[in-house]
Amino acid sequence: MSCLEKNITDSGPETVPLQLKKSDVFRATLADDCGNIGFLGIAPDASEYHVVVPVDLQLARGVKAMNQPDDGTPFGGYRGWHYYECAPYSKDENDHNRRQQIETNAKLLTLWIQQFGLEITII
């Protein structure tokens, strides 16, 4: 076995970060006065994701308070997945606040998911 073959074998398979569309962060970033909140669910191995919107704010607060549904799937999500709550935005005339909150949510999501040893890229 050559050194090149050994290095490739020793390094293991290359992992590619999950690519998450910024338009999905947009979908999950809701106005603060709508009574709902949006979540992004990431699979335990970061192989896929889904958007969960709108989630009733009262339901979301109950889930966060550890009042888990009997089936273990919070607000229609999947068991074992990681759910990021997208912070809402305050409405304004030119949607500046929404665009700014989408950028903030995208940045915080990429940092938040790292606590689980996972990596995502916003595209």
PDB file of N, CA and C in Angstrom:
ATOM      1  N   MET A   1       0.851  -1.180   0.000  1.00  0.00           N
ATOM      2  CA  MET A   1       0.000   0.000   0.000  1.00  0.00           C
ATOM      3  C   MET A   1       0.892   1.237   0.000  1.00  0.00           C
ATOM      4  N   SER A   2       0.606   2.149  -0.886  1.00  0.00           N
ATOM      5  CA  SER A   2       1.398   3.379  -0.961  1.00  0.00           C
ATOM      6  C   SER A   2       1.000   4.316   0.179  1.00  0.00           C
ATOM      7  N   CYS A   3       1.826   5.322   0.415  1.00  0.00           N
ATOM      8  CA  CYS A   3       1.532   6.310   1.460  1.00  0.00           C
ATOM      9  C   CYS A   3       0.234   7.046   1.143  1.00  0.00           C
ATOM     10  N   LEU A   4       0.012   7.343  -0.131  1.00  0.00           N
ATOM     11  CA  LEU A   4      -1.205   8.042  -0.525  1.00  0.00           C
ATOM     12  C   LEU A   4      -2.434   7.190  -0.217  1.00  0.00           C
ATOM     13  N   GLU A   5      -2.391   5.903  -0.550  1.00  0.00           N
ATOM     14  CA  GLU A   5      -3.513   5.012  -0.267  1.00  0.00           C
ATOM     15  C   GLU A   5      -3.746   4.895   1.243  1.00  0.00           C
ATOM     16  N   LYS A   6      -2.659   4.810   2.007  1.00  0.00           N
ATOM     17  CA  LYS A   6      -2.782   4.692   3.454  1.00  0.00           C
ATOM     18  C   LYS A   6      -3.434   5.945   4.039  1.00  0.00           C
ATOM     19  N   ASN A   7      -3.019   7.132   3.576  1.00  0.00           N
ATOM     20  CA  ASN A   7      -3.599   8.371   4.094  1.00  0.00           C
ATOM     21  C   ASN A   7      -5.085   8.474   3.782  1.00  0.00           C
ATOM     22  N   ILE A   8      -5.490   8.063   2.614  1.00  0.00           N
ATOM     23  CA  ILE A   8      -6.900   8.108   2.259  1.00  0.00           C
ATOM     24  C   ILE A   8      -7.682   7.135   3.131  1.00  0.00           C
ATOM     25  N   THR A   9      -7.155   5.943   3.325  1.00  0.00           N
ATOM     26  CA  THR A   9      -7.824   4.928   4.136  1.00  0.00           C
ATOM     27  C   THR A   9      -7.913   5.367   5.593  1.00  0.00           C
ATOM     28  N   ASP A  10      -6.824   5.938   6.134  1.00  0.00           N
ATOM     29  CA  ASP A  10      -6.790   6.328   7.538  1.00  0.00           C
ATOM     30  C   ASP A  10      -7.722   7.492   7.844  1.00  0.00           C
ATOM     31  N   SER A  11      -7.932   8.363   6.879  1.00  0.00           N
ATOM     32  CA  SER A  11      -8.725   9.551   7.155  1.00  0.00           C
ATOM     33  C   SER A  11     -10.223   9.249   7.213  1.00  0.00           C
ATOM     34  N   GLY A  12     -10.651   8.123   6.697  1.00  0.00           N
ATOM     35  CA  GLY A  12     -12.068   7.764   6.732  1.00  0.00           C
ATOM     36  C   GLY A  12     -12.844   8.531   5.685  1.00  0.00           C
ATOM     37  N   PRO A  13     -14.146   8.302   5.645  1.00  0.00           N
ATOM     38  CA  PRO A  13     -14.958   8.983   4.641  1.00  0.00           C
ATOM     39  C   PRO A  13     -15.062  10.474   4.922  1.00  0.00           C
ATOM     40  N   GLU A  14     -15.041  11.256   3.859  1.00  0.00           N
ATOM     41  CA  GLU A  14     -15.170  12.704   4.004  1.00  0.00           C
ATOM     42  C   GLU A  14     -16.632  13.038   4.265  1.00  0.00           C
ATOM     43  N   THR A  15     -16.887  13.858   5.284  1.00  0.00           N
ATOM     44  CA  THR A  15     -18.255  14.244   5.580  1.00  0.00           C
ATOM     45  C   THR A  15     -18.525  15.619   4.979  1.00  0.00           C
ATOM     46  N   VAL A  16     -19.655  15.744   4.341  1.00  0.00           N
ATOM     47  CA  VAL A  16     -20.066  17.000   3.726  1.00  0.00           C
ATOM     48  C   VAL A  16     -21.146  17.609   4.607  1.00  0.00           C
ATOM     49  N   PRO A  17     -21.002  18.897   4.961  1.00  0.00           N
ATOM     50  CA  PRO A  17     -22.029  19.517   5.804  1.00  0.00           C
ATOM     51  C   PRO A  17     -23.389  19.536   5.110  1.00  0.00           C
ATOM     52  N   LEU A  18     -24.435  19.439   5.890  1.00  0.00           N
ATOM     53  CA  LEU A  18     -25.792  19.546   5.381  1.00  0.00           C
ATOM     54  C   LEU A  18     -25.975  20.933   4.780  1.00  0.00           C
ATOM     55  N   GLN A  19     -26.542  21.011   3.593  1.00  0.00           N
ATOM     56  CA  GLN A  19     -26.820  22.297   2.963  1.00  0.00           C
ATOM     57  C   GLN A  19     -28.272  22.665   3.230  1.00  0.00           C
ATOM     58  N   LEU A  20     -28.463  23.772   3.921  1.00  0.00           N
ATOM     59  CA  LEU A  20     -29.779  24.239   4.300  1.00  0.00           C
ATOM     60  C   LEU A  20     -30.069  25.525   3.534  1.00  0.00           C
ATOM     61  N   LYS A  21     -31.203  25.594   2.869  1.00  0.00           N
ATOM     62  CA  LYS A  21     -31.547  26.759   2.055  1.00  0.00           C
ATOM     63  C   LYS A  21     -31.928  27.954   2.931  1.00  0.00           C
ATOM     64  N   LYS A  22     -31.389  29.123   2.572  1.00  0.00           N
ATOM     65  CA  LYS A  22     -31.738  30.337   3.299  1.00  0.00           C
ATOM     66  C   LYS A  22     -33.240  30.627   3.163  1.00  0.00           C
ATOM     67  N   SER A  23     -33.845  30.215   2.049  1.00  0.00           N
ATOM     68  CA  SER A  23     -35.285  30.421   1.870  1.00  0.00           C
ATOM     69  C   SER A  23     -36.087  29.651   2.926  1.00  0.00           C
ATOM     70  N   ASP A  24     -35.536  28.553   3.437  1.00  0.00           N
ATOM     71  CA  ASP A  24     -36.219  27.817   4.502  1.00  0.00           C
ATOM     72  C   ASP A  24     -36.073  28.524   5.843  1.00  0.00           C
ATOM     73  N   VAL A  25     -34.938  29.212   6.046  1.00  0.00           N
ATOM     74  CA  VAL A  25     -34.801  30.051   7.245  1.00  0.00           C
ATOM     75  C   VAL A  25     -35.822  31.187   7.153  1.00  0.00           C
ATOM     76  N   PHE A  26     -35.995  31.731   5.947  1.00  0.00           N
ATOM     77  CA  PHE A  26     -37.001  32.766   5.705  1.00  0.00           C
ATOM     78  C   PHE A  26     -38.390  32.259   6.092  1.00  0.00           C
ATOM     79  N   ARG A  27     -38.747  31.056   5.658  1.00  0.00           N
ATOM     80  CA  ARG A  27     -40.056  30.471   5.964  1.00  0.00           C
ATOM     81  C   ARG A  27     -40.276  30.295   7.459  1.00  0.00           C
ATOM     82  N   ALA A  28     -39.202  29.994   8.195  1.00  0.00           N
ATOM     83  CA  ALA A  28     -39.320  29.717   9.628  1.00  0.00           C
ATOM     84  C   ALA A  28     -39.188  30.967  10.494  1.00  0.00           C
ATOM     85  N   THR A  29     -38.865  32.107   9.895  1.00  0.00           N
ATOM     86  CA  THR A  29     -38.729  33.360  10.637  1.00  0.00           C
ATOM     87  C   THR A  29     -40.036  34.137  10.489  1.00  0.00           C
ATOM     88  N   LEU A  30     -40.852  34.080  11.534  1.00  0.00           N
ATOM     89  CA  LEU A  30     -42.191  34.656  11.499  1.00  0.00           C
ATOM     90  C   LEU A  30     -42.249  35.972  12.279  1.00  0.00           C
ATOM     91  N   ALA A  31     -43.290  36.742  12.018  1.00  0.00           N
ATOM     92  CA  ALA A  31     -43.489  38.015  12.727  1.00  0.00           C
ATOM     93  C   ALA A  31     -43.812  37.745  14.194  1.00  0.00           C
ATOM     94  N   ASP A  32     -43.323  38.623  15.059  1.00  0.00           N
ATOM     95  CA  ASP A  32     -43.512  38.427  16.496  1.00  0.00           C
ATOM     96  C   ASP A  32     -44.960  38.597  16.953  1.00  0.00           C
ATOM     97  N   ASP A  33     -45.805  39.199  16.125  1.00  0.00           N
ATOM     98  CA  ASP A  33     -47.183  39.422  16.542  1.00  0.00           C
ATOM     99  C   ASP A  33     -48.176  38.429  15.926  1.00  0.00           C
ATOM    100  N   CYS A  34     -47.679  37.369  15.296  1.00  0.00           N
ATOM    101  CA  CYS A  34     -48.587  36.442  14.612  1.00  0.00           C
ATOM    102  C   CYS A  34     -49.097  35.311  15.522  1.00  0.00           C
ATOM    103  N   GLY A  35     -48.504  35.149  16.692  1.00  0.00           N
ATOM    104  CA  GLY A  35     -48.953  34.099  17.609  1.00  0.00           C
ATOM    105  C   GLY A  35     -48.369  32.731  17.309  1.00  0.00           C
ATOM    106  N   ASN A  36     -47.479  32.661  16.334  1.00  0.00           N
ATOM    107  CA  ASN A  36     -46.839  31.401  15.957  1.00  0.00           C
ATOM    108  C   ASN A  36     -45.327  31.571  15.946  1.00  0.00           C
ATOM    109  N   ILE A  37     -44.646  30.447  15.873  1.00  0.00           N
ATOM    110  CA  ILE A  37     -43.193  30.452  15.817  1.00  0.00           C
ATOM    111  C   ILE A  37     -42.743  29.371  14.842  1.00  0.00           C
ATOM    112  N   GLY A  38     -41.568  29.528  14.254  1.00  0.00           N
ATOM    113  CA  GLY A  38     -41.066  28.564  13.289  1.00  0.00           C
ATOM    114  C   GLY A  38     -39.849  27.816  13.817  1.00  0.00           C
ATOM    115  N   PHE A  39     -39.716  26.569  13.394  1.00  0.00           N
ATOM    116  CA  PHE A  39     -38.596  25.728  13.795  1.00  0.00           C
ATOM    117  C   PHE A  39     -37.964  25.089  12.565  1.00  0.00           C
ATOM    118  N   LEU A  40     -36.681  24.801  12.672  1.00  0.00           N
ATOM    119  CA  LEU A  40     -35.966  23.999  11.682  1.00  0.00           C
ATOM    120  C   LEU A  40     -35.521  22.732  12.382  1.00  0.00           C
ATOM    121  N   GLY A  41     -35.909  21.601  11.840  1.00  0.00           N
ATOM    122  CA  GLY A  41     -35.542  20.311  12.415  1.00  0.00           C
ATOM    123  C   GLY A  41     -34.391  19.707  11.638  1.00  0.00           C
ATOM    124  N   ILE A  42     -33.348  19.287  12.349  1.00  0.00           N
ATOM    125  CA  ILE A  42     -32.160  18.687  11.746  1.00  0.00           C
ATOM    126  C   ILE A  42     -32.081  17.231  12.198  1.00  0.00           C
ATOM    127  N   ALA A  43     -31.901  16.326  11.237  1.00  0.00           N
ATOM    128  CA  ALA A  43     -31.786  14.902  11.554  1.00  0.00           C
ATOM    129  C   ALA A  43     -30.596  14.668  12.481  1.00  0.00           C
ATOM    130  N   PRO A  44     -30.646  13.616  13.294  1.00  0.00           N
ATOM    131  CA  PRO A  44     -29.565  13.344  14.241  1.00  0.00           C
ATOM    132  C   PRO A  44     -28.185  13.222  13.591  1.00  0.00           C
ATOM    133  N   ASP A  45     -28.131  12.789  12.328  1.00  0.00           N
ATOM    134  CA  ASP A  45     -26.853  12.673  11.633  1.00  0.00           C
ATOM    135  C   ASP A  45     -26.649  13.789  10.612  1.00  0.00           C
ATOM    136  N   ALA A  46     -27.507  14.808  10.650  1.00  0.00           N
ATOM    137  CA  ALA A  46     -27.455  15.956   9.736  1.00  0.00           C
ATOM    138  C   ALA A  46     -27.525  15.543   8.270  1.00  0.00           C
ATOM    139  N   SER A  47     -28.264  14.477   7.996  1.00  0.00           N
ATOM    140  CA  SER A  47     -28.416  14.031   6.616  1.00  0.00           C
ATOM    141  C   SER A  47     -29.563  14.749   5.907  1.00  0.00           C
ATOM    142  N   GLU A  48     -30.472  15.327   6.681  1.00  0.00           N
ATOM    143  CA  GLU A  48     -31.612  16.035   6.110  1.00  0.00           C
ATOM    144  C   GLU A  48     -32.194  16.978   7.146  1.00  0.00           C
ATOM    145  N   TYR A  49     -33.133  17.816   6.682  1.00  0.00           N
ATOM    146  CA  TYR A  49     -33.799  18.742   7.584  1.00  0.00           C
ATOM    147  C   TYR A  49     -35.214  18.988   7.096  1.00  0.00           C
ATOM    148  N   HIS A  50     -36.017  19.615   7.945  1.00  0.00           N
ATOM    149  CA  HIS A  50     -37.346  20.033   7.532  1.00  0.00           C
ATOM    150  C   HIS A  50     -37.754  21.282   8.296  1.00  0.00           C
ATOM    151  N   VAL A  51     -38.718  22.000   7.740  1.00  0.00           N
ATOM    152  CA  VAL A  51     -39.229  23.232   8.329  1.00  0.00           C
ATOM    153  C   VAL A  51     -40.557  22.905   9.002  1.00  0.00           C
ATOM    154  N   VAL A  52     -40.727  23.380  10.232  1.00  0.00           N
ATOM    155  CA  VAL A  52     -41.972  23.167  10.959  1.00  0.00           C
ATOM    156  C   VAL A  52     -42.562  24.537  11.263  1.00  0.00           C
ATOM    157  N   VAL A  53     -43.562  24.933  10.466  1.00  0.00           N
ATOM    158  CA  VAL A  53     -44.237  26.218  10.649  1.00  0.00           C
ATOM    159  C   VAL A  53     -45.685  26.086  10.217  1.00  0.00           C
ATOM    160  N   PRO A  54     -46.567  26.856  10.739  1.00  0.00           N
ATOM    161  CA  PRO A  54     -46.397  27.603  11.983  1.00  0.00           C
ATOM    162  C   PRO A  54     -46.686  26.712  13.173  1.00  0.00           C
ATOM    163  N   VAL A  55     -45.986  26.945  14.245  1.00  0.00           N
ATOM    164  CA  VAL A  55     -46.222  26.231  15.497  1.00  0.00           C
ATOM    165  C   VAL A  55     -46.849  27.239  16.463  1.00  0.00           C
ATOM    166  N   ASP A  56     -47.974  26.882  17.007  1.00  0.00           N
ATOM    167  CA  ASP A  56     -48.646  27.754  17.964  1.00  0.00           C
ATOM    168  C   ASP A  56     -47.698  28.064  19.120  1.00  0.00           C
ATOM    169  N   LEU A  57     -47.601  29.327  19.466  1.00  0.00           N
ATOM    170  CA  LEU A  57     -46.677  29.765  20.512  1.00  0.00           C
ATOM    171  C   LEU A  57     -46.957  29.079  21.844  1.00  0.00           C
ATOM    172  N   GLN A  58     -48.231  28.882  22.184  1.00  0.00           N
ATOM    173  CA  GLN A  58     -48.576  28.205  23.441  1.00  0.00           C
ATOM    174  C   GLN A  58     -48.066  26.764  23.435  1.00  0.00           C
ATOM    175  N   LEU A  59     -48.219  26.072  22.307  1.00  0.00           N
ATOM    176  CA  LEU A  59     -47.730  24.702  22.185  1.00  0.00           C
ATOM    177  C   LEU A  59     -46.202  24.671  22.312  1.00  0.00           C
ATOM    178  N   ALA A  60     -45.545  25.585  21.630  1.00  0.00           N
ATOM    179  CA  ALA A  60     -44.084  25.642  21.687  1.00  0.00           C
ATOM    180  C   ALA A  60     -43.600  25.902  23.105  1.00  0.00           C
ATOM    181  N   ARG A  61     -44.271  26.784  23.822  1.00  0.00           N
ATOM    182  CA  ARG A  61     -43.878  27.062  25.214  1.00  0.00           C
ATOM    183  C   ARG A  61     -44.064  25.831  26.084  1.00  0.00           C
ATOM    184  N   GLY A  62     -45.132  25.075  25.848  1.00  0.00           N
ATOM    185  CA  GLY A  62     -45.371  23.847  26.609  1.00  0.00           C
ATOM    186  C   GLY A  62     -44.291  22.818  26.345  1.00  0.00           C
ATOM    187  N   VAL A  63     -43.885  22.676  25.087  1.00  0.00           N
ATOM    188  CA  VAL A  63     -42.835  21.725  24.729  1.00  0.00           C
ATOM    189  C   VAL A  63     -41.519  22.145  25.362  1.00  0.00           C
ATOM    190  N   LYS A  64     -41.235  23.449  25.331  1.00  0.00           N
ATOM    191  CA  LYS A  64     -39.987  23.934  25.931  1.00  0.00           C
ATOM    192  C   LYS A  64     -39.983  23.738  27.441  1.00  0.00           C
ATOM    193  N   ALA A  65     -41.159  23.732  28.036  1.00  0.00           N
ATOM    194  CA  ALA A  65     -41.252  23.533  29.487  1.00  0.00           C
ATOM    195  C   ALA A  65     -41.220  22.054  29.843  1.00  0.00           C
ATOM    196  N   MET A  66     -40.817  21.228  28.872  1.00  0.00           N
ATOM    197  CA  MET A  66     -40.681  19.789  29.051  1.00  0.00           C
ATOM    198  C   MET A  66     -42.027  19.072  29.163  1.00  0.00           C
ATOM    199  N   ASN A  67     -43.087  19.693  28.691  1.00  0.00           N
ATOM    200  CA  ASN A  67     -44.382  19.033  28.606  1.00  0.00           C
ATOM    201  C   ASN A  67     -44.438  18.333  27.255  1.00  0.00           C
ATOM    202  N   GLN A  68     -43.665  17.274  27.112  1.00  0.00           N
ATOM    203  CA  GLN A  68     -43.527  16.569  25.843  1.00  0.00           C
ATOM    204  C   GLN A  68     -44.789  15.777  25.505  1.00  0.00           C
ATOM    205  N   PRO A  69     -45.175  15.754  24.225  1.00  0.00           N
ATOM    206  CA  PRO A  69     -46.281  14.891  23.816  1.00  0.00           C
ATOM    207  C   PRO A  69     -45.949  13.429  24.104  1.00  0.00           C
ATOM    208  N   ASP A  70     -46.967  12.597  24.265  1.00  0.00           N
ATOM    209  CA  ASP A  70     -46.777  11.195  24.615  1.00  0.00           C
ATOM    210  C   ASP A  70     -45.947  10.415  23.604  1.00  0.00           C
ATOM    211  N   ASP A  71     -46.017  10.782  22.327  1.00  0.00           N
ATOM    212  CA  ASP A  71     -45.278  10.026  21.316  1.00  0.00           C
ATOM    213  C   ASP A  71     -43.833  10.485  21.154  1.00  0.00           C
ATOM    214  N   GLY A  72     -43.389  11.487  21.924  1.00  0.00           N
ATOM    215  CA  GLY A  72     -41.998  11.931  21.882  1.00  0.00           C
ATOM    216  C   GLY A  72     -41.656  12.786  20.681  1.00  0.00           C
ATOM    217  N   THR A  73     -42.650  13.192  19.911  1.00  0.00           N
ATOM    218  CA  THR A  73     -42.382  14.003  18.724  1.00  0.00           C
ATOM    219  C   THR A  73     -42.965  15.392  18.925  1.00  0.00           C
ATOM    220  N   PRO A  74     -42.160  16.336  19.383  1.00  0.00           N
ATOM    221  CA  PRO A  74     -42.682  17.671  19.694  1.00  0.00           C
ATOM    222  C   PRO A  74     -43.280  18.346  18.476  1.00  0.00           C
ATOM    223  N   PHE A  75     -44.442  18.943  18.649  1.00  0.00           N
ATOM    224  CA  PHE A  75     -45.166  19.734  17.651  1.00  0.00           C
ATOM    225  C   PHE A  75     -45.089  19.169  16.244  1.00  0.00           C
ATOM    226  N   GLY A  76     -45.225  17.870  16.120  1.00  0.00           N
ATOM    227  CA  GLY A  76     -45.241  17.239  14.805  1.00  0.00           C
ATOM    228  C   GLY A  76     -43.865  16.909  14.255  1.00  0.00           C
ATOM    229  N   GLY A  77     -42.854  17.036  15.075  1.00  0.00           N
ATOM    230  CA  GLY A  77     -41.500  16.733  14.628  1.00  0.00           C
ATOM    231  C   GLY A  77     -41.167  15.262  14.757  1.00  0.00           C
ATOM    232  N   TYR A  78     -39.923  14.927  14.485  1.00  0.00           N
ATOM    233  CA  TYR A  78     -39.476  13.538  14.515  1.00  0.00           C
ATOM    234  C   TYR A  78     -38.677  13.248  15.776  1.00  0.00           C
ATOM    235  N   ARG A  79     -38.867  12.056  16.301  1.00  0.00           N
ATOM    236  CA  ARG A  79     -38.148  11.617  17.502  1.00  0.00           C
ATOM    237  C   ARG A  79     -36.638  11.632  17.253  1.00  0.00           C
ATOM    238  N   GLY A  80     -35.900  12.234  18.174  1.00  0.00           N
ATOM    239  CA  GLY A  80     -34.443  12.254  18.111  1.00  0.00           C
ATOM    240  C   GLY A  80     -33.849  13.385  17.281  1.00  0.00           C
ATOM    241  N   TRP A  81     -34.674  14.137  16.572  1.00  0.00           N
ATOM    242  CA  TRP A  81     -34.169  15.239  15.761  1.00  0.00           C
ATOM    243  C   TRP A  81     -33.869  16.443  16.653  1.00  0.00           C
ATOM    244  N   HIS A  82     -33.059  17.358  16.145  1.00  0.00           N
ATOM    245  CA  HIS A  82     -32.713  18.593  16.848  1.00  0.00           C
ATOM    246  C   HIS A  82     -33.550  19.720  16.251  1.00  0.00           C
ATOM    247  N   TYR A  83     -34.242  20.490  17.103  1.00  0.00           N
ATOM    248  CA  TYR A  83     -35.122  21.549  16.626  1.00  0.00           C
ATOM    249  C   TYR A  83     -34.624  22.911  17.072  1.00  0.00           C
ATOM    250  N   TYR A  84     -34.373  23.757  16.081  1.00  0.00           N
ATOM    251  CA  TYR A  84     -33.917  25.122  16.332  1.00  0.00           C
ATOM    252  C   TYR A  84     -35.099  26.070  16.176  1.00  0.00           C
ATOM    253  N   GLU A  85     -35.336  26.861  17.205  1.00  0.00           N
ATOM    254  CA  GLU A  85     -36.411  27.853  17.167  1.00  0.00           C
ATOM    255  C   GLU A  85     -35.890  29.132  16.535  1.00  0.00           C
ATOM    256  N   CYS A  86     -36.474  29.504  15.416  1.00  0.00           N
ATOM    257  CA  CYS A  86     -36.080  30.748  14.753  1.00  0.00           C
ATOM    258  C   CYS A  86     -36.717  31.925  15.477  1.00  0.00           C
ATOM    259  N   ALA A  87     -35.892  32.846  15.928  1.00  0.00           N
ATOM    260  CA  ALA A  87     -36.399  34.027  16.631  1.00  0.00           C
ATOM    261  C   ALA A  87     -37.255  34.855  15.681  1.00  0.00           C
ATOM    262  N   PRO A  88     -38.353  35.413  16.184  1.00  0.00           N
ATOM    263  CA  PRO A  88     -39.239  36.212  15.337  1.00  0.00           C
ATOM    264  C   PRO A  88     -38.665  37.611  15.076  1.00  0.00           C
ATOM    265  N   TYR A  89     -39.301  38.307  14.169  1.00  0.00           N
ATOM    266  CA  TYR A  89     -38.898  39.668  13.839  1.00  0.00           C
ATOM    267  C   TYR A  89     -40.044  40.625  14.126  1.00  0.00           C
ATOM    268  N   SER A  90     -39.716  41.905  14.315  1.00  0.00           N
ATOM    269  CA  SER A  90     -40.723  42.963  14.480  1.00  0.00           C
ATOM    270  C   SER A  90     -41.015  43.554  13.113  1.00  0.00           C
ATOM    271  N   LYS A  91     -42.289  43.613  12.775  1.00  0.00           N
ATOM    272  CA  LYS A  91     -42.678  44.142  11.468  1.00  0.00           C
ATOM    273  C   LYS A  91     -42.255  45.598  11.304  1.00  0.00           C
ATOM    274  N   ASP A  92     -41.841  45.939  10.095  1.00  0.00           N
ATOM    275  CA  ASP A  92     -41.581  47.318   9.705  1.00  0.00           C
ATOM    276  C   ASP A  92     -41.983  47.471   8.241  1.00  0.00           C
ATOM    277  N   GLU A  93     -41.978  48.680   7.746  1.00  0.00           N
ATOM    278  CA  GLU A  93     -42.493  48.929   6.398  1.00  0.00           C
ATOM    279  C   GLU A  93     -41.685  48.298   5.280  1.00  0.00           C
ATOM    280  N   ASN A  94     -40.387  48.280   5.402  1.00  0.00           N
ATOM    281  CA  ASN A  94     -39.547  47.808   4.290  1.00  0.00           C
ATOM    282  C   ASN A  94     -38.950  46.417   4.508  1.00  0.00           C
ATOM    283  N   ASP A  95     -39.426  45.679   5.493  1.00  0.00           N
ATOM    284  CA  ASP A  95     -38.951  44.321   5.795  1.00  0.00           C
ATOM    285  C   ASP A  95     -37.478  44.248   6.186  1.00  0.00           C
ATOM    286  N   HIS A  96     -36.900  45.375   6.572  1.00  0.00           N
ATOM    287  CA  HIS A  96     -35.495  45.385   7.006  1.00  0.00           C
ATOM    288  C   HIS A  96     -35.306  44.484   8.222  1.00  0.00           C
ATOM    289  N   ASN A  97     -36.222  44.558   9.183  1.00  0.00           N
ATOM    290  CA  ASN A  97     -36.099  43.749  10.404  1.00  0.00           C
ATOM    291  C   ASN A  97     -36.154  42.261  10.091  1.00  0.00           C
ATOM    292  N   ARG A  98     -37.014  41.888   9.154  1.00  0.00           N
ATOM    293  CA  ARG A  98     -37.113  40.472   8.800  1.00  0.00           C
ATOM    294  C   ARG A  98     -35.822  39.992   8.155  1.00  0.00           C
ATOM    295  N   ARG A  99     -35.300  40.748   7.200  1.00  0.00           N
ATOM    296  CA  ARG A  99     -34.051  40.348   6.533  1.00  0.00           C
ATOM    297  C   ARG A  99     -32.908  40.236   7.544  1.00  0.00           C
ATOM    298  N   GLN A 100     -32.851  41.176   8.466  1.00  0.00           N
ATOM    299  CA  GLN A 100     -31.807  41.143   9.493  1.00  0.00           C
ATOM    300  C   GLN A 100     -31.977  39.924  10.402  1.00  0.00           C
ATOM    301  N   GLN A 101     -33.230  39.612  10.783  1.00  0.00           N
ATOM    302  CA  GLN A 101     -33.474  38.464  11.666  1.00  0.00           C
ATOM    303  C   GLN A 101     -33.181  37.146  10.956  1.00  0.00           C
ATOM    304  N   ILE A 102     -33.445  37.067   9.663  1.00  0.00           N
ATOM    305  CA  ILE A 102     -33.122  35.865   8.899  1.00  0.00           C
ATOM    306  C   ILE A 102     -31.618  35.621   8.921  1.00  0.00           C
ATOM    307  N   GLU A 103     -30.835  36.675   8.717  1.00  0.00           N
ATOM    308  CA  GLU A 103     -29.367  36.549   8.767  1.00  0.00           C
ATOM    309  C   GLU A 103     -28.910  36.093  10.149  1.00  0.00           C
ATOM    310  N   THR A 104     -29.494  36.688  11.184  1.00  0.00           N
ATOM    311  CA  THR A 104     -29.128  36.322  12.562  1.00  0.00           C
ATOM    312  C   THR A 104     -29.516  34.873  12.845  1.00  0.00           C
ATOM    313  N   ASN A 105     -30.726  34.470  12.464  1.00  0.00           N
ATOM    314  CA  ASN A 105     -31.158  33.087  12.690  1.00  0.00           C
ATOM    315  C   ASN A 105     -30.243  32.097  11.966  1.00  0.00           C
ATOM    316  N   ALA A 106     -29.867  32.411  10.732  1.00  0.00           N
ATOM    317  CA  ALA A 106     -28.982  31.524   9.969  1.00  0.00           C
ATOM    318  C   ALA A 106     -27.633  31.378  10.659  1.00  0.00           C
ATOM    319  N   LYS A 107     -27.086  32.487  11.115  1.00  0.00           N
ATOM    320  CA  LYS A 107     -25.782  32.457  11.785  1.00  0.00           C
ATOM    321  C   LYS A 107     -25.852  31.683  13.101  1.00  0.00           C
ATOM    322  N   LEU A 108     -26.883  31.959  13.899  1.00  0.00           N
ATOM    323  CA  LEU A 108     -27.023  31.277  15.188  1.00  0.00           C
ATOM    324  C   LEU A 108     -27.316  29.791  15.018  1.00  0.00           C
ATOM    325  N   LEU A 109     -28.071  29.435  13.986  1.00  0.00           N
ATOM    326  CA  LEU A 109     -28.356  28.027  13.713  1.00  0.00           C
ATOM    327  C   LEU A 109     -27.070  27.255  13.437  1.00  0.00           C
ATOM    328  N   THR A 110     -26.178  27.821  12.632  1.00  0.00           N
ATOM    329  CA  THR A 110     -24.921  27.123  12.322  1.00  0.00           C
ATOM    330  C   THR A 110     -24.061  26.949  13.572  1.00  0.00           C
ATOM    331  N   LEU A 111     -24.117  27.903  14.478  1.00  0.00           N
ATOM    332  CA  LEU A 111     -23.375  27.774  15.742  1.00  0.00           C
ATOM    333  C   LEU A 111     -24.070  26.788  16.680  1.00  0.00           C
ATOM    334  N   TRP A 112     -25.387  26.864  16.774  1.00  0.00           N
ATOM    335  CA  TRP A 112     -26.170  26.010  17.672  1.00  0.00           C
ATOM    336  C   TRP A 112     -25.995  24.529  17.352  1.00  0.00           C
ATOM    337  N   ILE A 113     -26.011  24.178  16.067  1.00  0.00           N
ATOM    338  CA  ILE A 113     -25.952  22.772  15.675  1.00  0.00           C
ATOM    339  C   ILE A 113     -24.594  22.150  16.012  1.00  0.00           C
ATOM    340  N   GLN A 114     -23.564  22.968  16.158  1.00  0.00           N
ATOM    341  CA  GLN A 114     -22.228  22.456  16.480  1.00  0.00           C
ATOM    342  C   GLN A 114     -22.177  21.773  17.840  1.00  0.00           C
ATOM    343  N   GLN A 115     -23.073  22.146  18.762  1.00  0.00           N
ATOM    344  CA  GLN A 115     -23.076  21.505  20.083  1.00  0.00           C
ATOM    345  C   GLN A 115     -23.409  20.025  19.991  1.00  0.00           C
ATOM    346  N   PHE A 116     -23.991  19.605  18.868  1.00  0.00           N
ATOM    347  CA  PHE A 116     -24.320  18.208  18.659  1.00  0.00           C
ATOM    348  C   PHE A 116     -23.269  17.500  17.804  1.00  0.00           C
ATOM    349  N   GLY A 117     -22.165  18.194  17.516  1.00  0.00           N
ATOM    350  CA  GLY A 117     -21.107  17.634  16.680  1.00  0.00           C
ATOM    351  C   GLY A 117     -21.467  17.593  15.216  1.00  0.00           C
ATOM    352  N   LEU A 118     -22.408  18.454  14.805  1.00  0.00           N
ATOM    353  CA  LEU A 118     -22.865  18.481  13.422  1.00  0.00           C
ATOM    354  C   LEU A 118     -22.483  19.802  12.778  1.00  0.00           C
ATOM    355  N   GLU A 119     -22.531  19.815  11.458  1.00  0.00           N
ATOM    356  CA  GLU A 119     -22.181  21.020  10.723  1.00  0.00           C
ATOM    357  C   GLU A 119     -23.179  21.217   9.588  1.00  0.00           C
ATOM    358  N   ILE A 120     -23.580  22.477   9.392  1.00  0.00           N
ATOM    359  CA  ILE A 120     -24.456  22.806   8.266  1.00  0.00           C
ATOM    360  C   ILE A 120     -23.893  24.019   7.543  1.00  0.00           C
ATOM    361  N   THR A 121     -24.297  24.153   6.302  1.00  0.00           N
ATOM    362  CA  THR A 121     -23.943  25.307   5.485  1.00  0.00           C
ATOM    363  C   THR A 121     -25.236  25.915   4.977  1.00  0.00           C
ATOM    364  N   ILE A 122     -25.378  27.224   5.114  1.00  0.00           N
ATOM    365  CA  ILE A 122     -26.550  27.908   4.601  1.00  0.00           C
ATOM    366  C   ILE A 122     -26.264  28.302   3.162  1.00  0.00           C
ATOM    367  N   ILE A 123     -27.161  27.901   2.253  1.00  0.00           N
ATOM    368  CA  ILE A 123     -26.955  28.226   0.826  1.00  0.00           C
ATOM    369  C   ILE A 123     -28.080  29.124   0.334  1.00  0.00           C
TER     370      ILE A 123
END
